[in-house]
Amino acid sequence: MPELPEVEALTTLLAERMTGQPIPRCEPASFSALKTVSPSLDQLIGRVSAGCSRRGKYVCFDLDGMWLVAHLARAGFIRWHDTVPATTARPAKTSLALRVGLDIGSEFDQRHDLTVSV
């Protein structure tokens, strides 16, 4: 599990890259990783990222008032891609949980625990 300075650096990077960007794509790859089903992940599509912050070791994405909250757990991480992979999100050896695409053609993958809340 990453230490707090690493989580802080990650949220700073994500805030710089995501703030003001619409979310056109949100693909769950592992339903077992989702902690809630209401609201559905489809409700994140079209929302604009208002920022990213840290609450302890949780990474919190503000998406127009709806929050996507990720915990990095053991061996969990968020990986940024400058270009969206051509393949659809699906579980792999590293337990892919969610792939979120941005209007600028970038995306991030979340591995392991994930919570969506309003």
C-alpha atoms as a PDB file:
ATOM      1  CA  MET A   1       0.000   0.000   0.000  1.00  0.00           C
ATOM      2  CA  PRO A   2       1.441   3.407  -0.912  1.00  0.00           C
ATOM      3  CA  GLU A   3       2.350   5.894   1.802  1.00  0.00           C
ATOM      4  CA  LEU A   4       0.561   9.239   2.200  1.00  0.00           C
ATOM      5  CA  PRO A   5       3.167  11.322   0.288  1.00  0.00           C
ATOM      6  CA  GLU A   6       2.753   9.012  -2.718  1.00  0.00           C
ATOM      7  CA  VAL A   7      -1.045   9.296  -2.550  1.00  0.00           C
ATOM      8  CA  GLU A   8      -0.754  13.096  -2.267  1.00  0.00           C
ATOM      9  CA  ALA A   9       1.528  13.239  -5.323  1.00  0.00           C
ATOM     10  CA  LEU A  10      -0.902  11.023  -7.263  1.00  0.00           C
ATOM     11  CA  THR A  11      -3.914  13.208  -6.443  1.00  0.00           C
ATOM     12  CA  THR A  12      -1.982  16.352  -7.399  1.00  0.00           C
ATOM     13  CA  LEU A  13      -1.076  14.830 -10.777  1.00  0.00           C
ATOM     14  CA  LEU A  14      -4.641  13.639 -11.409  1.00  0.00           C
ATOM     15  CA  ALA A  15      -6.110  17.031 -10.422  1.00  0.00           C
ATOM     16  CA  GLU A  16      -3.782  18.813 -12.862  1.00  0.00           C
ATOM     17  CA  ARG A  17      -4.683  16.501 -15.745  1.00  0.00           C
ATOM     18  CA  MET A  18      -8.392  15.979 -15.085  1.00  0.00           C
ATOM     19  CA  THR A  19      -9.852  19.248 -13.789  1.00  0.00           C
ATOM     20  CA  GLY A  20     -12.293  20.696 -16.304  1.00  0.00           C
ATOM     21  CA  GLN A  21     -12.345  17.547 -18.445  1.00  0.00           C
ATOM     22  CA  PRO A  22     -15.630  15.806 -19.349  1.00  0.00           C
ATOM     23  CA  ILE A  23     -15.914  12.044 -18.755  1.00  0.00           C
ATOM     24  CA  PRO A  24     -17.150  10.395 -21.997  1.00  0.00           C
ATOM     25  CA  ARG A  25     -16.278   6.816 -20.995  1.00  0.00           C
ATOM     26  CA  CYS A  26     -16.492   4.792 -17.787  1.00  0.00           C
ATOM     27  CA  GLU A  27     -16.076   1.017 -18.081  1.00  0.00           C
ATOM     28  CA  PRO A  28     -16.287  -1.313 -15.104  1.00  0.00           C
ATOM     29  CA  ALA A  29     -14.008  -4.298 -15.533  1.00  0.00           C
ATOM     30  CA  SER A  30     -14.721  -6.126 -12.299  1.00  0.00           C
ATOM     31  CA  PHE A  31     -18.129  -5.958 -10.699  1.00  0.00           C
ATOM     32  CA  SER A  32     -16.770  -7.573  -7.544  1.00  0.00           C
ATOM     33  CA  ALA A  33     -14.641  -4.448  -7.015  1.00  0.00           C
ATOM     34  CA  LEU A  34     -17.645  -2.108  -6.973  1.00  0.00           C
ATOM     35  CA  LYS A  35     -18.932  -1.256  -3.516  1.00  0.00           C
ATOM     36  CA  THR A  36     -22.186   0.362  -4.652  1.00  0.00           C
ATOM     37  CA  VAL A  37     -24.543  -0.031  -7.588  1.00  0.00           C
ATOM     38  CA  SER A  38     -26.565   3.116  -7.020  1.00  0.00           C
ATOM     39  CA  PRO A  39     -25.810   5.478  -8.571  1.00  0.00           C
ATOM     40  CA  SER A  40     -24.635   3.475 -11.537  1.00  0.00           C
ATOM     41  CA  LEU A  41     -21.330   4.203 -13.246  1.00  0.00           C
ATOM     42  CA  ASP A  42     -23.299   5.281 -16.344  1.00  0.00           C
ATOM     43  CA  GLN A  43     -24.282   8.404 -14.391  1.00  0.00           C
ATOM     44  CA  LEU A  44     -20.629   9.514 -14.406  1.00  0.00           C
ATOM     45  CA  ILE A  45     -20.603   9.785 -18.205  1.00  0.00           C
ATOM     46  CA  GLY A  46     -20.886  13.386 -19.362  1.00  0.00           C
ATOM     47  CA  ARG A  47     -19.927  14.848 -15.989  1.00  0.00           C
ATOM     48  CA  VAL A  48     -17.024  17.281 -15.810  1.00  0.00           C
ATOM     49  CA  SER A  49     -14.162  16.683 -13.395  1.00  0.00           C
ATOM     50  CA  ALA A  50     -14.070  19.444 -10.788  1.00  0.00           C
ATOM     51  CA  GLY A  51     -10.899  18.092  -9.206  1.00  0.00           C
ATOM     52  CA  CYS A  52      -9.217  15.313  -7.317  1.00  0.00           C
ATOM     53  CA  SER A  53      -8.302  15.234  -3.642  1.00  0.00           C
ATOM     54  CA  ARG A  54      -7.077  12.875  -0.955  1.00  0.00           C
ATOM     55  CA  ARG A  55      -8.830  11.800   2.246  1.00  0.00           C
ATOM     56  CA  GLY A  56      -6.294   9.647   4.055  1.00  0.00           C
ATOM     57  CA  LYS A  57      -5.394   6.935   1.569  1.00  0.00           C
ATOM     58  CA  TYR A  58      -8.604   7.425  -0.429  1.00  0.00           C
ATOM     59  CA  VAL A  59      -8.415   9.179  -3.810  1.00  0.00           C
ATOM     60  CA  CYS A  60     -11.578  11.265  -4.325  1.00  0.00           C
ATOM     61  CA  PHE A  61     -12.709  12.467  -7.746  1.00  0.00           C
ATOM     62  CA  ASP A  62     -15.286  15.285  -7.738  1.00  0.00           C
ATOM     63  CA  LEU A  63     -17.376  14.801 -10.882  1.00  0.00           C
ATOM     64  CA  ASP A  64     -19.923  17.629 -10.893  1.00  0.00           C
ATOM     65  CA  GLY A  65     -21.014  16.879  -7.340  1.00  0.00           C
ATOM     66  CA  MET A  66     -20.948  13.098  -7.703  1.00  0.00           C
ATOM     67  CA  TRP A  67     -17.933  11.458  -6.084  1.00  0.00           C
ATOM     68  CA  LEU A  68     -15.887   8.553  -7.363  1.00  0.00           C
ATOM     69  CA  VAL A  69     -13.826   7.303  -4.420  1.00  0.00           C
ATOM     70  CA  ALA A  70     -10.967   4.848  -4.802  1.00  0.00           C
ATOM     71  CA  HIS A  71      -8.886   3.134  -2.145  1.00  0.00           C
ATOM     72  CA  LEU A  72      -5.547   1.826  -3.307  1.00  0.00           C
ATOM     73  CA  ALA A  73      -5.665  -1.216  -0.971  1.00  0.00           C
ATOM     74  CA  ARG A  74      -2.888  -3.780  -1.088  1.00  0.00           C
ATOM     75  CA  ALA A  75      -1.077  -3.583  -4.409  1.00  0.00           C
ATOM     76  CA  GLY A  76      -3.785  -1.275  -5.766  1.00  0.00           C
ATOM     77  CA  PHE A  77      -2.954   1.682  -7.945  1.00  0.00           C
ATOM     78  CA  ILE A  78      -4.239   4.191 -10.449  1.00  0.00           C
ATOM     79  CA  ARG A  79      -2.423   4.180 -13.767  1.00  0.00           C
ATOM     80  CA  TRP A  80      -2.607   7.152 -16.136  1.00  0.00           C
ATOM     81  CA  HIS A  81      -2.541   6.560 -19.927  1.00  0.00           C
ATOM     82  CA  ASP A  82      -1.921   9.455 -22.319  1.00  0.00           C
ATOM     83  CA  THR A  83      -3.843   7.558 -24.997  1.00  0.00           C
ATOM     84  CA  VAL A  84      -6.784   5.236 -24.476  1.00  0.00           C
ATOM     85  CA  PRO A  85      -5.979   1.566 -25.164  1.00  0.00           C
ATOM     86  CA  ALA A  86      -7.917   0.112 -28.104  1.00  0.00           C
ATOM     87  CA  THR A  87      -9.124  -2.826 -26.009  1.00  0.00           C
ATOM     88  CA  THR A  88     -12.090  -2.660 -23.662  1.00  0.00           C
ATOM     89  CA  ALA A  89     -11.595  -2.849 -19.924  1.00  0.00           C
ATOM     90  CA  ARG A  90     -11.580  -6.355 -18.522  1.00  0.00           C
ATOM     91  CA  PRO A  91      -9.986  -8.002 -15.534  1.00  0.00           C
ATOM     92  CA  ALA A  92      -6.398  -9.046 -15.960  1.00  0.00           C
ATOM     93  CA  LYS A  93      -3.742 -10.531 -13.717  1.00  0.00           C
ATOM     94  CA  THR A  94      -3.621  -7.206 -11.874  1.00  0.00           C
ATOM     95  CA  SER A  95      -7.385  -7.034 -11.055  1.00  0.00           C
ATOM     96  CA  LEU A  96      -8.493  -4.097 -13.192  1.00  0.00           C
ATOM     97  CA  ALA A  97     -11.579  -2.574 -11.563  1.00  0.00           C
ATOM     98  CA  LEU A  98     -12.458   0.474 -13.685  1.00  0.00           C
ATOM     99  CA  ARG A  99     -11.301   2.420 -16.731  1.00  0.00           C
ATOM    100  CA  VAL A 100     -12.264   6.102 -17.028  1.00  0.00           C
ATOM    101  CA  GLY A 101     -11.694   7.960 -20.307  1.00  0.00           C
ATOM    102  CA  LEU A 102     -11.441  11.724 -20.718  1.00  0.00           C
ATOM    103  CA  ASP A 103     -12.385  14.007 -23.619  1.00  0.00           C
ATOM    104  CA  ILE A 104      -8.715  14.844 -24.219  1.00  0.00           C
ATOM    105  CA  GLY A 105      -8.071  11.233 -25.273  1.00  0.00           C
ATOM    106  CA  SER A 106      -6.410  10.223 -22.009  1.00  0.00           C
ATOM    107  CA  GLU A 107      -7.655   7.827 -19.372  1.00  0.00           C
ATOM    108  CA  PHE A 108      -6.845   6.195 -16.077  1.00  0.00           C
ATOM    109  CA  ASP A 109      -7.249   2.641 -14.818  1.00  0.00           C
ATOM    110  CA  GLN A 110      -8.135   1.860 -11.224  1.00  0.00           C
ATOM    111  CA  ARG A 111      -7.107  -1.471  -9.794  1.00  0.00           C
ATOM    112  CA  HIS A 112      -8.747  -3.107  -6.750  1.00  0.00           C
ATOM    113  CA  ASP A 113     -11.233  -1.411  -4.382  1.00  0.00           C
ATOM    114  CA  LEU A 114     -13.624   1.172  -5.785  1.00  0.00           C
ATOM    115  CA  THR A 115     -16.633   3.036  -4.407  1.00  0.00           C
ATOM    116  CA  VAL A 116     -19.046   5.325  -6.214  1.00  0.00           C
ATOM    117  CA  SER A 117     -21.094   7.655  -4.035  1.00  0.00           C
ATOM    118  CA  VAL A 118     -23.127  10.836  -4.326  1.00  0.00           C
END
